[in-house]
Structure formats: structure tokens, C-alpha cells
C-alpha atoms as a PDB file:
ATOM      1  CA  MET A   1     178.739  38.085 -45.967  1.00  0.00           C
ATOM      2  CA  THR A   2     176.110  36.616 -48.244  1.00  0.00           C
ATOM      3  CA  ALA A   3     175.189  38.299 -51.511  1.00  0.00           C
ATOM      4  CA  LYS A   4     171.658  39.552 -51.976  1.00  0.00           C
ATOM      5  CA  ARG A   5     169.984  37.652 -54.834  1.00  0.00           C
ATOM      6  CA  LEU A   6     166.711  37.951 -56.696  1.00  0.00           C
ATOM      7  CA  TYR A   7     164.402  34.929 -56.560  1.00  0.00           C
ATOM      8  CA  LYS A   8     160.757  34.128 -57.251  1.00  0.00           C
ATOM      9  CA  SER A   9     158.826  34.060 -54.005  1.00  0.00           C
ATOM     10  CA  ASP A  10     157.410  30.754 -52.759  1.00  0.00           C
ATOM     11  CA  ASP A  11     155.253  32.313 -50.049  1.00  0.00           C
ATOM     12  CA  ASP A  12     153.902  35.507 -51.593  1.00  0.00           C
ATOM     13  CA  LYS A  13     152.815  34.703 -55.109  1.00  0.00           C
ATOM     14  CA  ILE A  14     149.730  35.177 -57.221  1.00  0.00           C
ATOM     15  CA  ILE A  15     150.836  33.899 -60.635  1.00  0.00           C
ATOM     16  CA  SER A  16     154.459  32.797 -60.456  1.00  0.00           C
ATOM     17  CA  GLY A  17     156.034  34.793 -57.623  1.00  0.00           C
ATOM     18  CA  VAL A  18     157.979  37.317 -59.716  1.00  0.00           C
ATOM     19  CA  CYS A  19     156.468  40.422 -58.091  1.00  0.00           C
ATOM     20  CA  GLY A  20     156.640  38.824 -54.646  1.00  0.00           C
ATOM     21  CA  GLY A  21     160.322  38.061 -55.156  1.00  0.00           C
ATOM     22  CA  ILE A  22     161.058  41.594 -56.327  1.00  0.00           C
ATOM     23  CA  ALA A  23     159.226  42.934 -53.266  1.00  0.00           C
ATOM     24  CA  GLU A  24     161.297  40.728 -50.946  1.00  0.00           C
ATOM     25  CA  TYR A  25     164.493  41.871 -52.686  1.00  0.00           C
ATOM     26  CA  LEU A  26     163.556  45.565 -52.338  1.00  0.00           C
ATOM     27  CA  ASN A  27     161.995  45.181 -48.847  1.00  0.00           C
ATOM     28  CA  VAL A  28     158.694  46.751 -49.900  1.00  0.00           C
ATOM     29  CA  ASP A  29     155.065  45.641 -49.831  1.00  0.00           C
ATOM     30  CA  PRO A  30     154.259  43.203 -52.669  1.00  0.00           C
ATOM     31  CA  SER A  31     151.065  45.101 -53.494  1.00  0.00           C
ATOM     32  CA  ILE A  32     153.118  48.138 -54.440  1.00  0.00           C
ATOM     33  CA  VAL A  33     155.313  46.070 -56.761  1.00  0.00           C
ATOM     34  CA  ARG A  34     152.236  44.471 -58.357  1.00  0.00           C
ATOM     35  CA  LEU A  35     150.626  47.878 -58.896  1.00  0.00           C
ATOM     36  CA  ILE A  36     153.789  49.283 -60.488  1.00  0.00           C
ATOM     37  CA  ALA A  37     154.111  46.152 -62.669  1.00  0.00           C
ATOM     38  CA  ALA A  38     150.507  46.500 -63.861  1.00  0.00           C
ATOM     39  CA  LEU A  39     151.029  50.175 -64.676  1.00  0.00           C
ATOM     40  CA  LEU A  40     154.232  49.399 -66.579  1.00  0.00           C
ATOM     41  CA  ILE A  41     152.546  46.576 -68.501  1.00  0.00           C
ATOM     42  CA  PHE A  42     149.796  48.888 -69.734  1.00  0.00           C
ATOM     43  CA  ALA A  43     152.165  51.809 -70.338  1.00  0.00           C
ATOM     44  CA  SER A  44     154.581  49.781 -72.469  1.00  0.00           C
ATOM     45  CA  GLY A  45     151.957  47.809 -74.332  1.00  0.00           C
ATOM     46  CA  VAL A  46     150.213  44.761 -72.999  1.00  0.00           C
ATOM     47  CA  ALA A  47     152.007  42.264 -75.253  1.00  0.00           C
ATOM     48  CA  VAL A  48     155.462  43.625 -74.401  1.00  0.00           C
ATOM     49  CA  GLY A  49     154.753  43.810 -70.669  1.00  0.00           C
ATOM     50  CA  ILE A  50     153.353  40.300 -70.497  1.00  0.00           C
ATOM     51  CA  ALA A  51     156.301  38.978 -72.513  1.00  0.00           C
ATOM     52  CA  ILE A  52     158.739  40.589 -70.044  1.00  0.00           C
ATOM     53  CA  TYR A  53     156.845  39.030 -67.109  1.00  0.00           C
ATOM     54  CA  ILE A  54     156.902  35.585 -68.741  1.00  0.00           C
ATOM     55  CA  ILE A  55     160.634  35.877 -69.424  1.00  0.00           C
ATOM     56  CA  ALA A  56     161.236  36.863 -65.783  1.00  0.00           C
ATOM     57  CA  ALA A  57     159.113  33.911 -64.618  1.00  0.00           C
ATOM     58  CA  ILE A  58     161.239  31.546 -66.702  1.00  0.00           C
ATOM     59  CA  ILE A  59     164.648  33.040 -65.856  1.00  0.00           C
ATOM     60  CA  LEU A  60     164.327  33.722 -62.109  1.00  0.00           C
ATOM     61  CA  PRO A  61     164.955  30.656 -59.923  1.00  0.00           C
ATOM     62  CA  LYS A  62     162.612  29.674 -57.092  1.00  0.00           C
ATOM     63  CA  LYS A  63     163.991  30.533 -53.689  1.00  0.00           C
ATOM     64  CA  SER A  64     163.354  27.017 -52.360  1.00  0.00           C
ATOM     65  CA  SER A  65     165.265  25.356 -55.206  1.00  0.00           C
ATOM     66  CA  VAL A  66     168.417  27.458 -54.662  1.00  0.00           C
ATOM     67  CA  VAL A  67     168.588  27.773 -50.874  1.00  0.00           C
END
């Protein structure tokens, strides 16, 4: 049995693939994840939300580089 892992998406990306990867991991539509991410960015403060996204973009590996 293979473990389920979180990756940046190579196929469904707008900026870096973070939201697309989260959507693939959760088996939901990427638009929903992007909408929730945008709401969280503005709710927590734009600078904090963008910093969290940038950190996720740096930390999460690309799916093609791992598989």
C-alpha cells in the first residue's frame, strides 16, 4: 500500500501548483481550494497569507520530481 503524499500539481496550476496539489490530495475541485485559499489570505492578513503560500510553494515537492 502506497502512502498518500502532498505534492505541487504539474497539470493543474496557476501560480506554482500549491492549490492544485492540495485539491488532488483532498479529491476536490481545484477552484474550491483556490477560493478557500483566497478567503483565508484576506481573512488572516494579506502579508501573512501570501507568506504562507510562498513557504508552501518552496517546501512542497513537484509531483514529477518525486514520482
